[in-house]
Protein backbone atom coordinates (compact mmCIF):
# COMPACT_ATOMS: atom_id res chain seq x y z
CA MET A 1 200.67 137.26 178.23
CA ASP A 2 198.34 138.37 175.31
CA SER A 3 199.00 141.30 172.97
CA THR A 4 198.98 144.80 173.04
CA ILE A 5 197.05 146.72 170.59
CA LEU A 6 198.35 150.32 169.97
CA VAL A 7 196.40 153.55 167.90
CA ALA A 8 198.34 155.89 166.81
CA THR A 9 197.56 159.50 165.31
CA GLY A 10 199.64 162.77 164.61
CA ASP A 11 199.19 166.44 165.50
CA SER A 12 195.68 167.69 167.81
CA ILE A 13 194.78 170.83 167.32
CA LEU A 14 191.02 171.48 169.12
CA THR A 15 189.85 174.64 169.04
CA HIS A 16 185.92 173.66 170.18
CA ARG A 17 183.83 170.67 171.46
CA ILE A 18 183.25 167.25 169.28
CA SER A 19 181.70 165.24 172.20
CA PRO A 20 178.07 166.72 170.66
CA ILE A 21 178.73 165.45 167.31
CA GLU A 22 176.74 162.61 165.70
CA ASN A 23 177.82 161.26 163.14
CA GLU A 24 178.36 157.69 162.21
CA ASP A 25 182.02 157.66 160.28
CA PHE A 26 183.51 160.06 162.99
CA ALA A 27 181.70 157.53 165.61
CA GLY A 28 183.92 154.89 163.86
CA VAL A 29 187.03 156.64 164.67
CA VAL A 30 186.32 157.53 168.15
CA ASP A 31 185.49 153.46 168.63
CA LEU A 32 188.87 152.76 166.83
CA VAL A 33 190.56 154.78 169.47
CA ARG A 34 188.45 153.26 172.40
CA GLU A 35 189.16 150.28 171.68
CA ALA A 36 192.48 149.94 171.60
CA ASP A 37 194.75 149.14 175.00
CA VAL A 38 196.55 151.98 174.35
CA ALA A 39 196.06 155.25 172.24
CA PHE A 40 198.35 158.28 171.98
CA THR A 41 197.64 161.63 170.11
CA ASN A 42 200.46 164.60 169.98
CA LEU A 43 198.44 167.65 171.80
CA GLU A 44 200.18 170.26 169.23
CA MET A 45 198.78 173.47 171.30
CA VAL A 46 198.71 174.57 174.82
CA PHE A 47 196.37 175.43 177.82
CA PRO A 48 197.50 178.86 179.42
CA GLY A 49 193.95 179.80 180.86
CA ALA A 50 193.08 182.91 182.34
CA ASN A 51 194.94 186.02 182.45
CA ARG A 52 197.66 184.47 179.80
CA HIS A 53 200.51 186.64 178.62
CA PRO A 54 201.50 185.53 174.63
CA GLY A 55 205.22 184.63 174.30
CA ALA A 56 207.73 186.14 171.81
CA THR A 57 208.77 183.20 170.66
CA TYR A 58 205.72 181.81 169.31
CA HIS A 59 206.20 179.71 165.95
CA GLY A 60 203.54 180.68 163.48
CA THR A 61 200.64 181.65 165.16
CA HIS A 62 200.24 181.09 169.03
CA LEU A 63 197.77 177.76 170.06
CA GLY A 64 196.71 178.67 173.62
CA VAL A 65 193.47 177.14 173.83
CA ASP A 66 190.54 176.72 176.87
CA PRO A 67 192.11 174.22 179.52
CA ALA A 68 188.48 172.51 179.63
CA LEU A 69 189.47 171.28 176.05
CA LEU A 70 191.40 168.30 177.46
CA GLU A 71 188.23 166.87 178.22
CA GLU A 72 187.13 166.07 175.15
CA PHE A 73 190.81 164.38 174.55
CA THR A 74 189.50 161.58 177.82
CA TRP A 75 186.36 161.39 176.46
CA PHE A 76 187.71 160.36 172.89
CA GLY A 77 189.63 157.48 174.56
CA PHE A 78 193.11 158.77 174.74
CA ASP A 79 195.62 157.62 177.43
CA LEU A 80 199.20 158.94 176.11
CA TYR A 81 200.20 162.78 174.97
CA GLY A 82 202.98 163.74 173.24
CA MET A 83 203.65 167.72 174.57
CA ALA A 84 206.98 168.39 172.58
CA ASN A 85 205.96 170.15 170.04
CA ASN A 86 207.17 173.90 168.46
CA HIS A 87 204.19 175.20 170.00
CA ALA A 88 205.04 174.61 173.79
CA THR A 89 205.83 178.04 174.55
CA ASP A 90 203.43 180.02 172.42
CA TYR A 91 202.52 181.58 175.91
CA GLY A 92 205.98 181.57 177.76
CA THR A 93 207.39 179.36 179.94
CA ASP A 94 204.56 180.19 182.56
CA GLY A 95 201.71 178.96 180.03
CA LEU A 96 203.86 175.85 179.56
CA ALA A 97 203.55 174.70 183.23
CA ALA A 98 199.94 176.40 183.88
CA SER A 99 199.43 173.75 180.80
CA LEU A 100 201.16 170.98 182.26
CA ALA A 101 199.49 171.55 185.89
CA LYS A 102 196.10 171.19 183.78
CA LEU A 103 197.12 167.73 182.33
CA ARG A 104 197.80 166.05 185.86
CA GLU A 105 194.73 167.59 187.59
CA ARG A 106 192.56 165.13 184.66
CA GLY A 107 195.45 162.63 185.60
CA MET A 108 196.22 162.55 182.16
CA THR A 109 199.58 161.04 181.19
CA PHE A 110 202.18 162.81 178.65
CA ALA A 111 205.94 163.02 178.04
CA GLY A 112 208.26 165.77 176.28
CA ALA A 113 207.66 168.65 178.34
CA GLY A 114 208.55 169.62 182.00
CA HIS A 115 209.93 172.25 184.22
CA THR A 116 213.08 171.13 183.86
CA LEU A 117 214.83 169.21 181.18
CA ARG A 118 215.39 166.21 182.92
CA GLU A 119 211.84 165.67 183.47
CA ALA A 120 211.21 166.80 180.03
CA ARG A 121 213.24 163.58 178.61
CA ARG A 122 211.94 161.31 181.37
CA PRO A 123 209.48 158.50 180.45
CA ALA A 124 205.99 158.39 181.16
CA TYR A 125 204.30 154.92 181.90
CA PHE A 126 200.83 153.68 181.29
CA GLN A 127 199.36 150.48 182.29
CA THR A 128 197.10 148.48 180.45
CA ARG A 129 195.32 145.20 181.31
CA ASN A 130 198.22 143.06 179.41
CA ALA A 131 201.63 145.51 179.64
CA ARG A 132 203.35 148.40 181.21
CA VAL A 133 204.08 150.87 178.16
CA ALA A 134 206.32 153.53 178.17
CA LEU A 135 206.23 156.99 176.38
CA VAL A 136 209.29 159.08 175.52
CA SER A 137 208.67 162.48 173.42
CA ALA A 138 210.59 164.92 171.98
CA GLY A 139 210.54 167.45 169.33
CA SER A 140 212.95 169.65 166.85
CA SER A 141 211.32 172.32 165.18
CA ASN A 142 211.84 175.21 167.30
CA ALA A 143 213.40 173.24 170.07
CA ARG A 144 216.11 175.99 170.59
CA LEU A 145 213.78 178.28 171.40
CA SER A 146 211.60 176.32 173.76
CA VAL A 147 214.25 173.82 175.25
CA ALA A 148 213.52 173.11 178.96
CA ALA A 149 216.63 173.69 181.01
CA ASP A 150 217.61 171.92 184.74
CA PRO A 151 218.87 174.07 187.43
CA GLY A 152 221.60 175.53 188.44
CA GLU A 153 223.41 177.32 190.70
CA GLY A 154 221.01 180.35 191.82
CA ASP A 155 218.18 178.94 189.50
CA LEU A 156 215.49 176.68 189.32
CA GLY A 157 215.71 175.66 185.96
CA ARG A 158 212.90 176.46 182.84
CA PRO A 159 210.13 174.99 181.96
CA GLY A 160 210.12 173.66 178.07
CA ILE A 161 210.50 170.13 175.82
CA ALA A 162 212.56 167.72 175.27
CA PRO A 163 214.68 169.16 172.02
CA VAL A 164 215.98 167.73 168.98
CA ARG A 165 218.30 170.92 168.00
CA VAL A 166 218.90 170.57 164.19
CA GLN A 167 222.09 171.89 162.55
CA LYS A 168 221.18 173.28 159.10
CA THR A 169 224.28 173.15 157.10
CA HIS A 170 224.32 175.08 153.22
CA HIS A 171 226.80 172.91 151.06
CA ILE A 172 227.98 175.12 148.24
CA ARG A 173 230.46 174.23 144.91
CA ARG A 174 233.84 174.47 146.01
CA GLU A 175 234.45 176.77 142.70
CA ARG A 176 231.12 179.05 143.79
CA PHE A 177 232.06 178.97 147.72
CA GLU A 178 234.76 181.92 147.92
CA GLN A 179 233.32 183.82 145.29
CA LEU A 180 229.92 183.36 148.29
CA ARG A 181 232.45 184.02 150.77
CA GLU A 182 233.64 187.45 149.21
CA ILE A 183 229.99 188.60 148.72
CA LEU A 184 228.95 187.63 152.16
CA ALA A 185 232.03 189.58 153.80
CA GLU A 186 230.80 192.85 151.86
CA THR A 187 227.54 192.96 153.43
CA GLY A 188 229.24 193.19 157.19
CA GLN A 189 228.56 188.99 157.80
CA ASP A 190 231.42 186.90 160.41
CA VAL A 191 232.87 184.82 157.57
CA GLN A 192 236.29 184.16 159.04
CA ALA A 193 234.22 181.27 161.76
CA THR A 194 235.82 182.60 164.62
CA GLY A 195 232.85 182.39 166.53
CA THR A 196 230.16 185.13 167.86
CA THR A 197 231.70 187.01 170.55
CA ALA A 198 235.26 185.26 170.66
CA PRO A 199 237.34 182.76 169.01
CA GLY A 200 236.08 179.31 169.43
CA VAL A 201 232.80 180.72 171.01
CA PHE A 202 229.70 179.67 169.30
CA LEU A 203 226.59 180.83 171.00
CA PRO A 204 222.52 180.30 169.94
CA TYR A 205 221.67 183.82 169.68
CA PRO A 206 217.80 183.54 169.98
CA ASP A 207 216.33 185.43 167.11
CA ARG A 208 218.21 186.34 163.72
CA ASN A 209 216.40 189.97 163.71
CA ILE A 210 214.44 189.18 160.48
CA TRP A 211 210.95 191.15 161.78
CA ASP A 212 209.85 191.56 158.00
CA GLY A 213 210.75 190.59 154.47
CA PRO A 214 213.38 191.71 152.65
CA PRO A 215 213.16 194.91 150.34
CA PRO A 216 211.88 193.86 146.91
CA GLY A 217 214.95 192.44 144.86
CA GLY A 218 216.56 191.21 148.04
CA PHE A 219 216.83 188.09 150.00
CA ALA A 220 217.15 186.55 153.42
CA VAL A 221 220.14 185.01 154.61
CA GLU A 222 219.73 182.61 157.92
CA GLY A 223 222.40 182.07 160.37
CA VAL A 224 223.25 179.00 159.65
CA HIS A 225 226.68 176.79 158.26
CA PHE A 226 228.08 177.20 154.57
CA VAL A 227 230.66 174.74 154.09
CA PRO A 228 232.63 173.82 150.48
CA ASP A 229 231.68 170.38 148.93
CA LYS A 230 231.36 168.98 145.79
CA GLU A 231 227.84 169.63 145.10
CA SER A 232 225.24 172.48 146.87
CA ALA A 233 222.94 170.81 148.76
CA VAL A 234 221.36 171.93 152.25
CA ARG A 235 221.61 168.69 155.16
CA THR A 236 220.50 169.20 158.40
CA THR A 237 222.17 166.90 161.42
CA ALA A 238 220.40 166.49 165.29
CA LEU A 239 222.49 167.74 167.97
CA GLN A 240 224.54 164.25 169.35
CA ARG A 241 223.96 164.93 172.79
CA ASP A 242 220.16 165.52 172.54
CA VAL A 243 220.04 162.00 170.30
CA ASP A 244 222.19 160.53 173.11
CA ALA A 245 220.10 161.59 175.80
CA LEU A 246 217.08 160.53 173.93
CA VAL A 247 218.55 157.05 173.39
CA ALA A 248 219.44 157.09 177.27
CA SER A 249 215.70 158.13 177.70
CA VAL A 250 214.51 154.65 176.15
CA GLU A 251 217.16 152.57 177.11
CA GLU A 252 215.81 153.44 180.41
CA ALA A 253 212.02 152.84 179.97
CA ARG A 254 212.95 149.72 178.39
CA ARG A 255 214.10 148.38 181.37
CA GLN A 256 211.20 149.43 183.27
CA ALA A 257 208.32 148.71 180.64
CA ASP A 258 207.25 145.89 178.45
CA LEU A 259 206.42 148.40 175.31
CA VAL A 260 207.98 151.90 174.51
CA PHE A 261 207.21 153.86 172.09
CA VAL A 262 208.77 157.38 170.78
CA ALA A 263 206.75 160.48 169.82
CA LEU A 264 208.88 163.06 167.63
CA HIS A 265 207.55 166.32 166.25
CA CYS A 266 209.59 167.62 163.36
CA HIS A 267 208.45 169.84 160.84
CA GLU A 268 211.60 169.78 158.99
CA GLY A 269 211.71 168.06 155.37
CA VAL A 270 214.40 167.69 152.87
CA ASP A 271 216.73 170.51 151.56
CA GLY A 272 215.95 172.65 154.52
CA ARG A 273 212.11 172.97 153.58
CA TRP A 274 209.11 172.42 155.87
CA ASN A 275 206.49 170.61 156.13
CA ASN A 276 206.85 168.77 153.20
CA ASP A 277 206.15 165.15 152.84
CA VAL A 278 210.34 163.65 152.32
CA PRO A 279 211.66 163.87 156.20
CA ALA A 280 214.85 166.01 156.93
CA GLU A 281 218.40 164.28 156.42
CA PHE A 282 218.86 163.93 160.53
CA LEU A 283 214.74 161.70 160.78
CA ARG A 284 215.88 158.95 159.69
CA PRO A 285 219.52 158.07 161.28
CA LEU A 286 217.39 159.31 164.86
CA ALA A 287 214.42 157.17 164.53
CA HIS A 288 217.07 154.07 163.65
CA ALA A 289 218.91 154.80 166.58
CA LEU A 290 216.48 154.94 168.81
CA VAL A 291 215.29 151.90 167.71
CA ASP A 292 218.18 150.51 168.27
CA ALA A 293 217.92 151.53 171.97
CA GLY A 294 214.48 149.82 172.31
CA ALA A 295 211.88 151.39 170.88
CA HIS A 296 209.17 149.21 169.92
CA ALA A 297 207.39 151.78 167.52
CA VAL A 298 208.56 155.59 166.35
CA LEU A 299 205.12 158.05 165.85
CA GLY A 300 206.27 160.99 164.02
CA SER A 301 204.21 163.99 163.45
CA GLY A 302 204.71 167.82 162.56
CA PRO A 303 204.33 168.73 159.04
CA HIS A 304 200.83 168.47 158.70
CA GLN A 305 200.70 165.62 156.51
CA LEU A 306 201.50 161.92 155.95
CA ARG A 307 205.14 160.73 155.29
CA GLY A 308 206.38 158.01 154.52
CA MET A 309 206.35 154.33 157.14
CA GLU A 310 209.27 152.07 157.28
CA LEU A 311 209.55 148.38 159.36
CA TYR A 312 213.17 148.64 160.77
CA ARG A 313 214.54 145.59 162.59
CA ASP A 314 210.04 144.58 161.89
CA ARG A 315 209.38 147.91 164.29
CA PRO A 316 207.25 150.18 162.44
CA ILE A 317 208.57 154.24 162.05
CA CYS A 318 205.85 156.64 161.08
CA TYR A 319 207.89 159.45 160.01
CA SER A 320 204.96 161.75 160.38
CA LEU A 321 200.93 160.66 160.58
CA GLY A 322 199.45 164.01 159.72
CA ASN A 323 196.97 165.86 160.74
CA PHE A 324 193.83 164.38 163.30
CA LEU A 325 192.39 166.58 164.80
CA PHE A 326 192.44 170.08 162.90
CA SER A 327 190.26 172.78 163.77
CA LEU A 328 192.69 175.48 163.90
CA GLU A 329 190.79 177.85 162.07
CA THR A 330 188.10 178.59 164.60
CA ILE A 331 190.33 178.71 167.57
CA ALA A 332 189.02 182.15 169.50
CA SER A 333 191.65 184.18 169.68
CA PHE A 334 195.40 185.20 168.61
CA PRO A 335 197.49 188.22 170.24
CA VAL A 336 197.40 191.15 168.51
CA GLU A 337 201.15 191.09 167.23
CA VAL A 338 200.23 187.65 164.81
CA TYR A 339 197.62 190.00 163.24
CA GLU A 340 200.18 192.81 162.67
CA GLN A 341 202.78 190.14 161.70
CA VAL A 342 200.59 189.67 158.02
CA GLY A 343 200.02 193.68 157.80
CA MET A 344 196.30 193.51 159.52
CA PRO A 345 194.59 196.25 161.69
CA PRO A 346 194.48 195.28 165.41
CA GLY A 347 191.41 194.90 165.64
CA SER A 348 191.40 191.95 163.38
CA THR A 349 189.58 188.49 164.17
CA THR A 350 190.70 184.61 163.39
CA ALA A 351 187.67 184.78 160.81
CA ASP A 352 189.42 187.94 159.14
CA LEU A 353 192.83 186.25 159.34
CA TYR A 354 191.46 182.98 157.80
CA ASP A 355 189.77 184.65 155.05
CA ARG A 356 193.35 185.90 154.35
CA ILE A 357 195.71 182.91 155.27
CA THR A 358 194.12 180.03 153.36
CA GLY A 359 197.07 178.23 152.59
CA TYR A 360 195.91 175.01 154.40
CA ALA A 361 192.68 175.13 153.33
CA THR A 362 193.08 174.82 149.39
CA HIS A 363 195.46 171.55 149.79
CA GLN A 364 193.82 168.40 150.09
CA ARG A 365 197.16 166.43 151.71
CA PHE A 366 196.54 168.27 155.06
CA TRP A 367 193.10 167.01 154.95
CA GLU A 368 193.74 163.02 154.59
CA THR A 369 195.68 160.79 156.90
CA VAL A 370 196.05 157.12 158.28
CA VAL A 371 195.62 155.88 162.00
CA PRO A 372 197.89 152.92 162.51
CA ARG A 373 197.05 150.18 164.61
CA PHE A 374 199.75 147.81 165.82
CA GLU A 375 199.50 144.76 167.64
CA PHE A 376 202.64 143.83 169.67
CA SER A 377 202.85 140.27 171.34
CA GLY A 378 204.01 139.65 175.40
CA SER A 379 207.70 139.97 174.03
CA GLY A 380 207.32 142.89 172.13
CA ASP A 381 207.25 141.61 168.51
CA LEU A 382 205.26 142.69 166.38
CA LEU A 383 202.29 140.85 165.14
CA ALA A 384 199.99 142.91 162.98
CA THR A 385 199.50 146.28 161.28
CA GLU A 386 196.44 147.91 159.95
CA LEU A 387 196.34 151.67 158.60
CA VAL A 388 192.97 152.88 158.56
CA PRO A 389 192.17 156.00 156.48
CA VAL A 390 190.79 158.85 157.52
CA THR A 391 189.91 162.33 156.25
CA LEU A 392 189.56 165.30 157.87
CA GLY A 393 186.35 167.45 155.46
CA PHE A 394 188.73 168.95 152.85
CA GLY A 395 186.14 171.20 151.18
CA LEU A 396 183.38 171.57 154.10
CA PRO A 397 183.18 175.29 155.68
CA ARG A 398 185.64 176.04 158.25
CA SER A 399 183.00 175.44 160.99
CA ARG A 400 182.87 171.64 160.03
CA ARG A 401 186.62 170.80 158.95
CA GLY A 402 189.35 169.27 160.98
CA LEU A 403 186.83 166.78 162.12
CA PRO A 404 188.22 162.80 161.60
CA VAL A 405 186.01 160.60 160.20
CA LEU A 406 186.44 157.20 158.31
CA ALA A 407 187.36 157.32 154.66
CA GLY A 408 185.14 156.47 152.03
CA ALA A 409 186.60 153.07 149.63
CA ALA A 410 187.92 155.69 146.99
CA ALA A 411 189.11 158.11 148.74
CA GLY A 412 190.76 155.07 151.22
CA ARG A 413 192.32 153.94 148.32
CA GLU A 414 193.97 156.67 147.31
CA ILE A 415 194.98 157.52 150.79
CA LEU A 416 196.82 154.49 150.60
CA ALA A 417 198.36 154.55 147.93
CA ARG A 418 199.87 157.86 148.09
CA LEU A 419 201.49 156.74 151.41
CA ASP A 420 202.32 153.42 149.67
CA GLU A 421 204.51 155.85 147.27
CA LEU A 422 205.76 157.28 149.82
CA SER A 423 207.04 154.46 152.13
CA LYS A 424 208.67 153.14 149.28
CA PRO A 425 212.02 155.26 149.78
CA PHE A 426 211.94 153.55 153.21
CA GLY A 427 211.80 149.71 152.15
CA ALA A 428 208.66 149.59 152.94
CA ARG A 429 205.09 149.07 151.27
CA VAL A 430 201.19 149.63 151.99
CA GLU A 431 199.31 146.89 150.85
CA THR A 432 195.36 147.52 150.29
CA ALA A 433 192.35 145.47 151.11
CA THR A 434 188.43 146.18 151.22
CA THR A 435 187.54 144.39 154.78
CA ALA A 436 184.14 144.40 156.12
CA ASP A 437 184.94 147.34 158.20
CA GLY A 438 186.16 148.85 154.66
CA VAL A 439 189.53 149.73 153.01
CA ARG A 440 192.35 149.36 155.24
CA GLY A 441 196.03 148.94 154.70
CA ARG A 442 198.76 146.90 156.01
CA LEU A 443 202.59 147.74 156.20
CA VAL A 444 204.92 145.03 154.56
CA ALA A 445 208.42 145.23 153.87
CA ALA A 446 209.35 145.53 150.05
């Protein structure tokens, strides 16, 4: 059997048409996607259509766009889509259900979201000229608020995502732990670990009752675990039953397909932080478990910037592929409460908001990425890796930022050098070479 080439990208947030654009370096990225046997992207937005209702469990801002923009992705040449991300229920469960219907109407193959939990965890399949390919997708960020549910007695279940629910634990030096317990007890916190309603009962409350920032000089305490330890640290672990369910999905897909790819959307970073370039503690063991179960590649997204790559059992793990399409700043509208949340009047516009909220626009790392091109043999062996550096218009006007174009030689080398540094802790290196097509990288074991 001949080989199969996968092209994978990170997060796609598209708010306006791009198919009319004539740009040679953008056309090079389009060609890269179209020439693959199978191409993947993560859709970090929903398509609820008219008369939509904003959800109360939104994460950051609501990302609802015109369903007609789905046709831009089929024009681009994508074949597989991840839907398990923290914006899946920005417009409620009905908005997600409407989005899934829009994808199905267009014959788009997606995984990671569904009308029930079983459906959300189910592998999706795509037939290439040489191989049957499976996609399994799941997300950790906002998972507890957007998780799908299976039917029960008297109910139909709940639309949502395939979750990787994460428990954050604060480890406190033993000599400080009792002092912390006493202080929290004085503030009315339950420090006896007896549960929320009765001994031994721990229920995931839907919010933490934090609407505004703390009073001047104060701080907020999240609803997380504290435990005494030798040293202070923040650690995250994945809920084992979610890991087991994902492993089972991969094992099922491996029996039904020639190649299995897993998409993981995880904003969480090391030490309990978000949107940084080092993944949280739970992510590497999870990725290894999925490869052990039969995944041929793990494709990460979430923090809107590159994270390192790894070759585990000679299979690629991309801990984050950063942004691919990122025209977030030109979204048509947000619900009124988004403006109120940042102290702006209800009549504000998205232009007003992004005049004030400039975090992404001022940091170059959000506008640089790579697009990996992985070649697999008919038996699933990794034959070749190619990493194509891409830029998204850092410093350009808002109307032109977020479009992926082939990076120039200097920028390409800088991107690949940074990815090399990020990959070293995982025992991998990125070799850089100049080819007829420009500067390219290759993922190798250190």
